[in-house]
Amino acid sequence: MKRTLSLGDILFDIFIYVFFTAFTLICVFPMYYIFINTISDNSLVASGQVLLTPRGIHFGNYVKVMKLDALPQAVFISVSRTVIGTFFGTLCTTYVAYILTKRQLWHRKLIYRFFIITMYFNAGLIPTYLNMRFLHLDNTYWVYIIGVINAFNMILVKTYIESIPDSIEESASIDGAGYMVIFFRLILPLALPILATVSVFTAVGHWNSFMDTLLYVRDSKLFTLQFLLWQYLNQAVVMARAMQNAAAQGGMSMAASPAAALTPTAVRMTIAMVVTLPVLFVYPFFQRYFIKGIMLGAIKG
């Protein structure tokens, strides 16, 4: 049946489209603005003349940033910790969530509340640091991997698992399947939407983290990409001069290409894009899981 829209409905629809279009543009514009400034004439960027469209397009900023010292090692550390941390974090969080759905678990509600408490209270920075020191995890790669269970993600996964019909597990139990078999062969495949969502949350957290490097790591070989680029951001003026000197020593005359002459502003914006682009590329592949995963993981139905 075709529904006749009243004038009020039409005006409301127009308002909704205009509002969310404007909201989308407001969200997208900062990233677009940074990107066009990284590929525009650096002298124009420094003087604030690039606003809506790129001017004097070049990609020399990205080439120079990628040649920074220690960058390949930092990329390896960040990528490896993101992959390993996401895998173990998602797996352990899902298994704990599955165990907490079992009514046979001793003091199940009490254990669940202990996990909830960690969302609001923690020991503090100094006790956590001392704990890492006493466990000999400071200044090691494993400081990035330890602490794999996230209470918020565990709640989402637990609620999602509880939405799976009990008859599926009961039929598997009748056939002789134990908890581990049910978990790996039934729960994990059925919980794929919420696992994809939790995996993205965990991966983004690992990728963007630099505080653990700042607090616990002193070996430069263990610096993550974010920590290294954070250092470069704080030293943008020095980095710009160093890159200019390196280019001059390599026979690349800045006078021949004034548009590519690095400035502190260009260094900051290019580094911001280098950190952000991997996340932007990952999200579209998992976007289709978000709505289903979050909705079913947030509401018990």
C-alpha atoms as a PDB file:
ATOM      1  CA  MET A   1       0.000   0.000   0.000  1.00  0.00           C
ATOM      2  CA  LYS A   2       1.201   3.462  -0.884  1.00  0.00           C
ATOM      3  CA  ARG A   3       1.115   5.859   2.020  1.00  0.00           C
ATOM      4  CA  THR A   4       0.184   9.474   1.294  1.00  0.00           C
ATOM      5  CA  LEU A   5       2.661  11.840   2.903  1.00  0.00           C
ATOM      6  CA  SER A   6       1.366  14.959   4.521  1.00  0.00           C
ATOM      7  CA  LEU A   7       3.094  18.322   4.223  1.00  0.00           C
ATOM      8  CA  GLY A   8       4.477  17.879   7.719  1.00  0.00           C
ATOM      9  CA  ASP A   9       5.974  14.479   6.815  1.00  0.00           C
ATOM     10  CA  ILE A  10       7.625  15.914   3.707  1.00  0.00           C
ATOM     11  CA  LEU A  11       9.090  18.846   5.610  1.00  0.00           C
ATOM     12  CA  PHE A  12      10.325  16.523   8.340  1.00  0.00           C
ATOM     13  CA  ASP A  13      12.007  14.231   5.780  1.00  0.00           C
ATOM     14  CA  ILE A  14      13.670  17.233   4.133  1.00  0.00           C
ATOM     15  CA  PHE A  15      14.911  18.437   7.513  1.00  0.00           C
ATOM     16  CA  ILE A  16      16.318  14.983   8.353  1.00  0.00           C
ATOM     17  CA  TYR A  17      18.177  14.714   5.036  1.00  0.00           C
ATOM     18  CA  VAL A  18      19.576  18.232   5.296  1.00  0.00           C
ATOM     19  CA  PHE A  19      20.570  17.798   8.933  1.00  0.00           C
ATOM     20  CA  PHE A  20      22.399  14.493   8.473  1.00  0.00           C
ATOM     21  CA  THR A  21      24.025  15.626   5.240  1.00  0.00           C
ATOM     22  CA  ALA A  22      25.383  18.678   7.052  1.00  0.00           C
ATOM     23  CA  PHE A  23      26.434  16.517  10.003  1.00  0.00           C
ATOM     24  CA  THR A  24      28.278  14.123   7.676  1.00  0.00           C
ATOM     25  CA  LEU A  25      30.104  16.988   5.995  1.00  0.00           C
ATOM     26  CA  ILE A  26      31.110  18.390   9.386  1.00  0.00           C
ATOM     27  CA  CYS A  27      32.562  14.983  10.354  1.00  0.00           C
ATOM     28  CA  VAL A  28      34.345  14.407   7.036  1.00  0.00           C
ATOM     29  CA  PHE A  29      35.721  17.904   6.460  1.00  0.00           C
ATOM     30  CA  PRO A  30      38.514  17.847   9.116  1.00  0.00           C
ATOM     31  CA  MET A  31      40.013  14.690   7.585  1.00  0.00           C
ATOM     32  CA  TYR A  32      39.595  16.076   4.071  1.00  0.00           C
ATOM     33  CA  TYR A  33      41.197  19.347   5.145  1.00  0.00           C
ATOM     34  CA  ILE A  34      44.234  17.585   6.585  1.00  0.00           C
ATOM     35  CA  PHE A  35      44.606  15.425   3.477  1.00  0.00           C
ATOM     36  CA  ILE A  36      44.507  18.286   0.964  1.00  0.00           C
ATOM     37  CA  ASN A  37      47.062  20.137   3.072  1.00  0.00           C
ATOM     38  CA  THR A  38      49.440  17.179   2.942  1.00  0.00           C
ATOM     39  CA  ILE A  39      49.402  17.093  -0.884  1.00  0.00           C
ATOM     40  CA  SER A  40      49.390  20.866  -1.488  1.00  0.00           C
ATOM     41  CA  ASP A  41      52.197  23.392  -1.896  1.00  0.00           C
ATOM     42  CA  ASN A  42      53.799  23.488   1.554  1.00  0.00           C
ATOM     43  CA  SER A  43      54.429  27.236   1.392  1.00  0.00           C
ATOM     44  CA  LEU A  44      50.735  27.859   0.690  1.00  0.00           C
ATOM     45  CA  VAL A  45      49.765  25.507   3.510  1.00  0.00           C
ATOM     46  CA  ALA A  46      52.043  27.300   5.964  1.00  0.00           C
ATOM     47  CA  SER A  47      50.425  30.633   5.056  1.00  0.00           C
ATOM     48  CA  GLY A  48      46.891  29.216   5.407  1.00  0.00           C
ATOM     49  CA  GLN A  49      45.898  29.608   1.760  1.00  0.00           C
ATOM     50  CA  VAL A  50      44.657  26.012   1.265  1.00  0.00           C
ATOM     51  CA  LEU A  51      41.065  25.715   2.463  1.00  0.00           C
ATOM     52  CA  LEU A  52      38.736  23.741   0.173  1.00  0.00           C
ATOM     53  CA  THR A  53      40.774  22.447  -2.761  1.00  0.00           C
ATOM     54  CA  PRO A  54      44.421  21.298  -3.037  1.00  0.00           C
ATOM     55  CA  ARG A  55      46.856  23.671  -4.711  1.00  0.00           C
ATOM     56  CA  GLY A  56      50.197  22.676  -6.189  1.00  0.00           C
ATOM     57  CA  ILE A  57      49.579  18.949  -5.755  1.00  0.00           C
ATOM     58  CA  HIS A  58      52.578  16.765  -4.858  1.00  0.00           C
ATOM     59  CA  PHE A  59      53.181  13.682  -2.704  1.00  0.00           C
ATOM     60  CA  GLY A  60      56.687  14.470  -1.541  1.00  0.00           C
ATOM     61  CA  ASN A  61      55.593  14.842   2.084  1.00  0.00           C
ATOM     62  CA  TYR A  62      54.595  11.181   2.319  1.00  0.00           C
ATOM     63  CA  VAL A  63      57.816  10.052   0.636  1.00  0.00           C
ATOM     64  CA  LYS A  64      59.933  12.025   3.112  1.00  0.00           C
ATOM     65  CA  VAL A  65      57.961  10.911   6.168  1.00  0.00           C
ATOM     66  CA  MET A  66      58.278   7.276   5.125  1.00  0.00           C
ATOM     67  CA  LYS A  67      62.060   7.704   5.074  1.00  0.00           C
ATOM     68  CA  LEU A  68      62.267   8.747   8.718  1.00  0.00           C
ATOM     69  CA  ASP A  69      64.762   6.827  10.840  1.00  0.00           C
ATOM     70  CA  ALA A  70      63.392   3.874  12.828  1.00  0.00           C
ATOM     71  CA  LEU A  71      60.043   4.051  11.018  1.00  0.00           C
ATOM     72  CA  PRO A  72      60.140   0.495   9.517  1.00  0.00           C
ATOM     73  CA  GLN A  73      60.835  -1.058  12.932  1.00  0.00           C
ATOM     74  CA  ALA A  74      58.081   1.015  14.535  1.00  0.00           C
ATOM     75  CA  VAL A  75      55.613  -0.043  11.830  1.00  0.00           C
ATOM     76  CA  PHE A  76      56.531  -3.700  12.437  1.00  0.00           C
ATOM     77  CA  ILE A  77      55.984  -3.337  16.201  1.00  0.00           C
ATOM     78  CA  SER A  78      52.618  -1.598  15.755  1.00  0.00           C
ATOM     79  CA  VAL A  79      51.332  -4.040  13.140  1.00  0.00           C
ATOM     80  CA  SER A  80      52.489  -7.129  15.043  1.00  0.00           C
ATOM     81  CA  ARG A  81      51.056  -5.951  18.372  1.00  0.00           C
ATOM     82  CA  THR A  82      47.780  -5.069  16.660  1.00  0.00           C
ATOM     83  CA  VAL A  83      47.478  -8.483  15.003  1.00  0.00           C
ATOM     84  CA  ILE A  84      48.604 -10.560  18.000  1.00  0.00           C
ATOM     85  CA  GLY A  85      46.828  -8.391  20.569  1.00  0.00           C
ATOM     86  CA  THR A  86      43.581  -8.405  18.604  1.00  0.00           C
ATOM     87  CA  PHE A  87      43.658 -12.178  18.112  1.00  0.00           C
ATOM     88  CA  PHE A  88      44.303 -13.075  21.751  1.00  0.00           C
ATOM     89  CA  GLY A  89      42.173 -10.225  23.066  1.00  0.00           C
ATOM     90  CA  THR A  90      39.130 -11.253  21.042  1.00  0.00           C
ATOM     91  CA  LEU A  91      39.618 -14.960  21.711  1.00  0.00           C
ATOM     92  CA  CYS A  92      40.089 -14.597  25.486  1.00  0.00           C
ATOM     93  CA  THR A  93      37.306 -12.050  25.840  1.00  0.00           C
ATOM     94  CA  THR A  94      34.916 -14.301  23.931  1.00  0.00           C
ATOM     95  CA  TYR A  95      35.843 -17.370  25.960  1.00  0.00           C
ATOM     96  CA  VAL A  96      35.357 -15.558  29.274  1.00  0.00           C
ATOM     97  CA  ALA A  97      32.016 -14.221  28.030  1.00  0.00           C
ATOM     98  CA  TYR A  98      30.973 -17.745  27.040  1.00  0.00           C
ATOM     99  CA  ILE A  99      31.952 -19.191  30.425  1.00  0.00           C
ATOM    100  CA  LEU A 100      29.989 -16.478  32.228  1.00  0.00           C
ATOM    101  CA  THR A 101      26.822 -17.521  30.387  1.00  0.00           C
ATOM    102  CA  LYS A 102      26.965 -20.977  32.016  1.00  0.00           C
ATOM    103  CA  ARG A 103      24.688 -21.280  35.042  1.00  0.00           C
ATOM    104  CA  GLN A 104      26.845 -24.142  36.306  1.00  0.00           C
ATOM    105  CA  LEU A 105      29.754 -21.747  36.938  1.00  0.00           C
ATOM    106  CA  TRP A 106      30.506 -21.359  40.641  1.00  0.00           C
ATOM    107  CA  HIS A 107      29.405 -17.895  41.852  1.00  0.00           C
ATOM    108  CA  ARG A 108      28.836 -16.779  38.267  1.00  0.00           C
ATOM    109  CA  LYS A 109      27.145 -13.495  39.182  1.00  0.00           C
ATOM    110  CA  LEU A 110      29.871 -12.584  41.676  1.00  0.00           C
ATOM    111  CA  ILE A 111      32.624 -13.187  39.117  1.00  0.00           C
ATOM    112  CA  TYR A 112      30.686 -11.183  36.535  1.00  0.00           C
ATOM    113  CA  ARG A 113      30.391  -8.254  38.945  1.00  0.00           C
ATOM    114  CA  PHE A 114      34.154  -8.324  39.530  1.00  0.00           C
ATOM    115  CA  PHE A 115      34.636  -7.770  35.812  1.00  0.00           C
ATOM    116  CA  ILE A 116      32.126  -4.921  35.847  1.00  0.00           C
ATOM    117  CA  ILE A 117      33.958  -3.211  38.731  1.00  0.00           C
ATOM    118  CA  THR A 118      37.124  -2.987  36.624  1.00  0.00           C
ATOM    119  CA  MET A 119      35.256  -0.673  34.230  1.00  0.00           C
ATOM    120  CA  TYR A 120      34.924   1.959  36.964  1.00  0.00           C
ATOM    121  CA  PHE A 121      37.860   1.404  39.305  1.00  0.00           C
ATOM    122  CA  ASN A 122      41.509   0.500  38.839  1.00  0.00           C
ATOM    123  CA  ALA A 123      44.616   0.402  41.000  1.00  0.00           C
ATOM    124  CA  GLY A 124      46.049   3.589  39.517  1.00  0.00           C
ATOM    125  CA  LEU A 125      49.081   4.453  37.446  1.00  0.00           C
ATOM    126  CA  ILE A 126      51.838   3.875  40.033  1.00  0.00           C
ATOM    127  CA  PRO A 127      50.618   0.435  41.268  1.00  0.00           C
ATOM    128  CA  THR A 128      50.146  -0.665  37.659  1.00  0.00           C
ATOM    129  CA  TYR A 129      53.654   0.469  36.773  1.00  0.00           C
ATOM    130  CA  LEU A 130      55.130  -1.300  39.830  1.00  0.00           C
ATOM    131  CA  ASN A 131      53.205  -4.434  38.954  1.00  0.00           C
ATOM    132  CA  MET A 132      54.726  -4.418  35.473  1.00  0.00           C
ATOM    133  CA  ARG A 133      58.193  -3.909  36.987  1.00  0.00           C
ATOM    134  CA  PHE A 134      57.810  -6.773  39.466  1.00  0.00           C
ATOM    135  CA  LEU A 135      56.554  -9.074  36.697  1.00  0.00           C
ATOM    136  CA  HIS A 136      59.556  -8.040  34.542  1.00  0.00           C
ATOM    137  CA  LEU A 137      57.231  -6.980  31.730  1.00  0.00           C
ATOM    138  CA  ASP A 138      58.492  -3.416  31.466  1.00  0.00           C
ATOM    139  CA  ASN A 139      60.725  -2.687  28.496  1.00  0.00           C
ATOM    140  CA  THR A 140      59.616  -5.919  26.806  1.00  0.00           C
ATOM    141  CA  TYR A 141      57.361  -6.619  23.837  1.00  0.00           C
ATOM    142  CA  TRP A 142      54.901  -8.529  26.041  1.00  0.00           C
ATOM    143  CA  VAL A 143      53.817  -5.377  27.837  1.00  0.00           C
ATOM    144  CA  TYR A 144      51.789  -4.652  24.693  1.00  0.00           C
ATOM    145  CA  ILE A 145      50.021  -8.015  24.727  1.00  0.00           C
ATOM    146  CA  ILE A 146      49.281  -8.517  28.442  1.00  0.00           C
ATOM    147  CA  GLY A 147      45.841  -7.512  29.672  1.00  0.00           C
ATOM    148  CA  VAL A 148      43.858  -9.103  26.864  1.00  0.00           C
ATOM    149  CA  ILE A 149      40.345  -9.016  28.355  1.00  0.00           C
ATOM    150  CA  ASN A 150      38.233  -5.894  28.013  1.00  0.00           C
ATOM    151  CA  ALA A 151      35.211  -5.787  30.326  1.00  0.00           C
ATOM    152  CA  PHE A 152      33.054  -3.692  27.985  1.00  0.00           C
ATOM    153  CA  ASN A 153      33.708  -5.990  25.028  1.00  0.00           C
ATOM    154  CA  MET A 154      33.075  -8.984  27.263  1.00  0.00           C
ATOM    155  CA  ILE A 155      29.625  -7.631  28.137  1.00  0.00           C
ATOM    156  CA  LEU A 156      28.768  -7.183  24.450  1.00  0.00           C
ATOM    157  CA  VAL A 157      29.894 -10.706  23.583  1.00  0.00           C
ATOM    158  CA  LYS A 158      28.184 -12.253  26.618  1.00  0.00           C
ATOM    159  CA  THR A 159      24.863 -10.638  25.768  1.00  0.00           C
ATOM    160  CA  TYR A 160      25.194 -11.758  22.151  1.00  0.00           C
ATOM    161  CA  ILE A 161      25.925 -15.360  23.151  1.00  0.00           C
ATOM    162  CA  GLU A 162      22.915 -15.351  25.454  1.00  0.00           C
ATOM    163  CA  SER A 163      20.761 -14.490  22.424  1.00  0.00           C
ATOM    164  CA  ILE A 164      21.777 -17.779  20.742  1.00  0.00           C
ATOM    165  CA  PRO A 165      19.077 -20.439  21.343  1.00  0.00           C
ATOM    166  CA  ASP A 166      19.966 -22.912  24.084  1.00  0.00           C
ATOM    167  CA  SER A 167      18.693 -25.757  21.919  1.00  0.00           C
ATOM    168  CA  ILE A 168      21.782 -25.494  19.695  1.00  0.00           C
ATOM    169  CA  GLU A 169      24.146 -26.161  22.593  1.00  0.00           C
ATOM    170  CA  GLU A 170      21.850 -28.807  24.049  1.00  0.00           C
ATOM    171  CA  SER A 171      21.788 -30.773  20.799  1.00  0.00           C
ATOM    172  CA  ALA A 172      25.589 -30.625  20.617  1.00  0.00           C
ATOM    173  CA  SER A 173      25.860 -31.774  24.257  1.00  0.00           C
ATOM    174  CA  ILE A 174      23.585 -34.735  23.539  1.00  0.00           C
ATOM    175  CA  ASP A 175      25.944 -35.745  20.733  1.00  0.00           C
ATOM    176  CA  GLY A 176      28.820 -35.741  23.228  1.00  0.00           C
ATOM    177  CA  ALA A 177      30.389 -32.335  22.581  1.00  0.00           C
ATOM    178  CA  GLY A 178      32.122 -30.676  25.523  1.00  0.00           C
ATOM    179  CA  TYR A 179      32.435 -26.985  26.330  1.00  0.00           C
ATOM    180  CA  MET A 180      35.566 -26.481  24.229  1.00  0.00           C
ATOM    181  CA  VAL A 181      34.081 -28.189  21.180  1.00  0.00           C
ATOM    182  CA  ILE A 182      30.874 -26.175  21.488  1.00  0.00           C
ATOM    183  CA  PHE A 183      32.840 -22.967  21.901  1.00  0.00           C
ATOM    184  CA  PHE A 184      35.113 -23.404  18.881  1.00  0.00           C
ATOM    185  CA  ARG A 185      32.698 -25.149  16.518  1.00  0.00           C
ATOM    186  CA  LEU A 186      29.393 -23.488  17.393  1.00  0.00           C
ATOM    187  CA  ILE A 187      29.776 -20.292  19.409  1.00  0.00           C
ATOM    188  CA  LEU A 188      32.607 -18.688  17.438  1.00  0.00           C
ATOM    189  CA  PRO A 189      30.971 -19.165  13.992  1.00  0.00           C
ATOM    190  CA  LEU A 190      27.562 -18.005  15.255  1.00  0.00           C
ATOM    191  CA  ALA A 191      29.030 -14.984  17.041  1.00  0.00           C
ATOM    192  CA  LEU A 192      30.906 -13.716  13.976  1.00  0.00           C
ATOM    193  CA  PRO A 193      29.103 -10.310  13.802  1.00  0.00           C
ATOM    194  CA  ILE A 194      29.920  -9.329  17.380  1.00  0.00           C
ATOM    195  CA  LEU A 195      33.428 -10.808  17.077  1.00  0.00           C
ATOM    196  CA  ALA A 196      34.101  -8.631  14.042  1.00  0.00           C
ATOM    197  CA  THR A 197      32.880  -5.575  15.941  1.00  0.00           C
ATOM    198  CA  VAL A 198      34.931  -6.362  19.046  1.00  0.00           C
ATOM    199  CA  SER A 199      37.972  -7.135  16.891  1.00  0.00           C
ATOM    200  CA  VAL A 200      37.810  -3.709  15.265  1.00  0.00           C
ATOM    201  CA  PHE A 201      37.470  -2.009  18.665  1.00  0.00           C
ATOM    202  CA  THR A 202      40.457  -3.955  19.983  1.00  0.00           C
ATOM    203  CA  ALA A 203      42.565  -3.407  16.871  1.00  0.00           C
ATOM    204  CA  VAL A 204      41.946   0.344  16.871  1.00  0.00           C
ATOM    205  CA  GLY A 205      42.871   0.468  20.553  1.00  0.00           C
ATOM    206  CA  HIS A 206      46.163  -1.318  19.907  1.00  0.00           C
ATOM    207  CA  TRP A 207      46.927   0.740  16.820  1.00  0.00           C
ATOM    208  CA  ASN A 208      46.329   4.101  18.513  1.00  0.00           C
ATOM    209  CA  SER A 209      47.946   3.281  21.847  1.00  0.00           C
ATOM    210  CA  PHE A 210      51.166   5.025  22.793  1.00  0.00           C
ATOM    211  CA  MET A 211      50.812   5.531  26.564  1.00  0.00           C
ATOM    212  CA  ASP A 212      52.053   2.008  27.314  1.00  0.00           C
ATOM    213  CA  THR A 213      55.197   2.747  25.296  1.00  0.00           C
ATOM    214  CA  LEU A 214      55.629   6.064  27.092  1.00  0.00           C
ATOM    215  CA  LEU A 215      55.287   4.481  30.534  1.00  0.00           C
ATOM    216  CA  TYR A 216      56.931   1.080  30.230  1.00  0.00           C
ATOM    217  CA  VAL A 217      59.322   1.008  27.257  1.00  0.00           C
ATOM    218  CA  ARG A 218      62.807   2.512  27.043  1.00  0.00           C
ATOM    219  CA  ASP A 219      64.285   0.453  24.213  1.00  0.00           C
ATOM    220  CA  SER A 220      63.904   2.399  20.961  1.00  0.00           C
ATOM    221  CA  LYS A 221      63.593  -0.896  19.054  1.00  0.00           C
ATOM    222  CA  LEU A 222      60.267  -1.483  20.826  1.00  0.00           C
ATOM    223  CA  PHE A 223      58.768   1.927  20.072  1.00  0.00           C
ATOM    224  CA  THR A 224      55.407   1.762  18.339  1.00  0.00           C
ATOM    225  CA  LEU A 225      54.556   3.812  15.270  1.00  0.00           C
ATOM    226  CA  GLN A 226      52.205   6.053  17.239  1.00  0.00           C
ATOM    227  CA  PHE A 227      54.794   6.787  19.915  1.00  0.00           C
ATOM    228  CA  LEU A 228      57.475   7.485  17.333  1.00  0.00           C
ATOM    229  CA  LEU A 229      55.221   9.800  15.351  1.00  0.00           C
ATOM    230  CA  TRP A 230      54.082  11.476  18.575  1.00  0.00           C
ATOM    231  CA  GLN A 231      57.720  12.285  19.229  1.00  0.00           C
ATOM    232  CA  TYR A 232      58.037  13.643  15.712  1.00  0.00           C
ATOM    233  CA  LEU A 233      54.907  15.758  16.196  1.00  0.00           C
ATOM    234  CA  ASN A 234      56.465  17.363  19.246  1.00  0.00           C
ATOM    235  CA  GLN A 235      59.639  17.980  17.265  1.00  0.00           C
ATOM    236  CA  ALA A 236      58.026  19.078  13.997  1.00  0.00           C
ATOM    237  CA  VAL A 237      60.276  22.115  13.550  1.00  0.00           C
ATOM    238  CA  VAL A 238      63.444  20.067  14.124  1.00  0.00           C
ATOM    239  CA  MET A 239      62.164  17.279  11.870  1.00  0.00           C
ATOM    240  CA  ALA A 240      61.370  19.694   9.043  1.00  0.00           C
ATOM    241  CA  ARG A 241      64.889  21.115   9.146  1.00  0.00           C
ATOM    242  CA  ALA A 242      66.448  17.655   9.346  1.00  0.00           C
ATOM    243  CA  MET A 243      64.498  16.480   6.299  1.00  0.00           C
ATOM    244  CA  GLN A 244      65.459  19.576   4.371  1.00  0.00           C
ATOM    245  CA  ASN A 245      69.126  18.991   5.184  1.00  0.00           C
ATOM    246  CA  ALA A 246      68.868  15.316   4.230  1.00  0.00           C
ATOM    247  CA  ALA A 247      67.263  16.219   0.902  1.00  0.00           C
ATOM    248  CA  ALA A 248      69.947  18.822   0.214  1.00  0.00           C
ATOM    249  CA  GLN A 249      72.741  16.356   1.016  1.00  0.00           C
ATOM    250  CA  GLY A 250      71.116  13.807  -1.285  1.00  0.00           C
ATOM    251  CA  GLY A 251      71.307  16.190  -4.191  1.00  0.00           C
ATOM    252  CA  MET A 252      67.622  17.196  -4.095  1.00  0.00           C
ATOM    253  CA  SER A 253      67.609  20.957  -4.311  1.00  0.00           C
ATOM    254  CA  MET A 254      64.773  22.628  -2.454  1.00  0.00           C
ATOM    255  CA  ALA A 255      65.032  25.560  -4.760  1.00  0.00           C
ATOM    256  CA  ALA A 256      64.159  23.311  -7.681  1.00  0.00           C
ATOM    257  CA  SER A 257      60.929  22.301  -5.984  1.00  0.00           C
ATOM    258  CA  PRO A 258      59.832  24.987  -3.500  1.00  0.00           C
ATOM    259  CA  ALA A 259      56.381  23.443  -3.241  1.00  0.00           C
ATOM    260  CA  ALA A 260      57.884  20.329  -1.635  1.00  0.00           C
ATOM    261  CA  ALA A 261      60.048  22.237   0.874  1.00  0.00           C
ATOM    262  CA  LEU A 262      58.989  20.778   4.216  1.00  0.00           C
ATOM    263  CA  THR A 263      57.466  22.969   6.903  1.00  0.00           C
ATOM    264  CA  PRO A 264      56.470  22.059  10.486  1.00  0.00           C
ATOM    265  CA  THR A 265      52.791  22.280   9.492  1.00  0.00           C
ATOM    266  CA  ALA A 266      53.333  19.840   6.620  1.00  0.00           C
ATOM    267  CA  VAL A 267      55.158  17.411   8.923  1.00  0.00           C
ATOM    268  CA  ARG A 268      52.365  17.475  11.523  1.00  0.00           C
ATOM    269  CA  MET A 269      49.556  16.962   9.016  1.00  0.00           C
ATOM    270  CA  THR A 270      51.351  14.235   7.081  1.00  0.00           C
ATOM    271  CA  ILE A 271      52.099  12.319  10.266  1.00  0.00           C
ATOM    272  CA  ALA A 272      48.442  12.636  11.317  1.00  0.00           C
ATOM    273  CA  MET A 273      47.357  11.107   8.002  1.00  0.00           C
ATOM    274  CA  VAL A 274      49.919   8.297   8.220  1.00  0.00           C
ATOM    275  CA  VAL A 275      48.515   7.283  11.613  1.00  0.00           C
ATOM    276  CA  THR A 276      44.863   7.584  10.580  1.00  0.00           C
ATOM    277  CA  LEU A 277      44.770   6.064   7.081  1.00  0.00           C
ATOM    278  CA  PRO A 278      45.148   2.382   8.144  1.00  0.00           C
ATOM    279  CA  VAL A 279      42.097   2.690  10.405  1.00  0.00           C
ATOM    280  CA  LEU A 280      40.090   4.325   7.610  1.00  0.00           C
ATOM    281  CA  PHE A 281      40.938   1.434   5.293  1.00  0.00           C
ATOM    282  CA  VAL A 282      39.957  -1.224   7.853  1.00  0.00           C
ATOM    283  CA  TYR A 283      36.551   0.134   8.899  1.00  0.00           C
ATOM    284  CA  PRO A 284      34.702  -0.288   5.560  1.00  0.00           C
ATOM    285  CA  PHE A 285      35.415  -4.029   5.489  1.00  0.00           C
ATOM    286  CA  PHE A 286      33.775  -4.541   8.912  1.00  0.00           C
ATOM    287  CA  GLN A 287      31.061  -1.908   8.703  1.00  0.00           C
ATOM    288  CA  ARG A 288      28.374  -4.396   7.696  1.00  0.00           C
ATOM    289  CA  TYR A 289      28.899  -6.267  10.979  1.00  0.00           C
ATOM    290  CA  PHE A 290      28.621  -3.225  13.222  1.00  0.00           C
ATOM    291  CA  ILE A 291      24.862  -2.668  13.359  1.00  0.00           C
ATOM    292  CA  LYS A 292      23.991  -6.336  13.805  1.00  0.00           C
ATOM    293  CA  GLY A 293      26.807  -6.976  16.241  1.00  0.00           C
ATOM    294  CA  ILE A 294      26.227  -3.947  18.451  1.00  0.00           C
ATOM    295  CA  MET A 295      22.428  -4.219  18.480  1.00  0.00           C
ATOM    296  CA  LEU A 296      22.379  -7.902  19.377  1.00  0.00           C
ATOM    297  CA  GLY A 297      25.307  -7.474  21.736  1.00  0.00           C
ATOM    298  CA  ALA A 298      23.746  -4.563  23.592  1.00  0.00           C
ATOM    299  CA  ILE A 299      20.148  -5.791  24.010  1.00  0.00           C
ATOM    300  CA  LYS A 300      19.256  -9.195  25.326  1.00  0.00           C
ATOM    301  CA  GLY A 301      16.543 -10.582  23.086  1.00  0.00           C
END
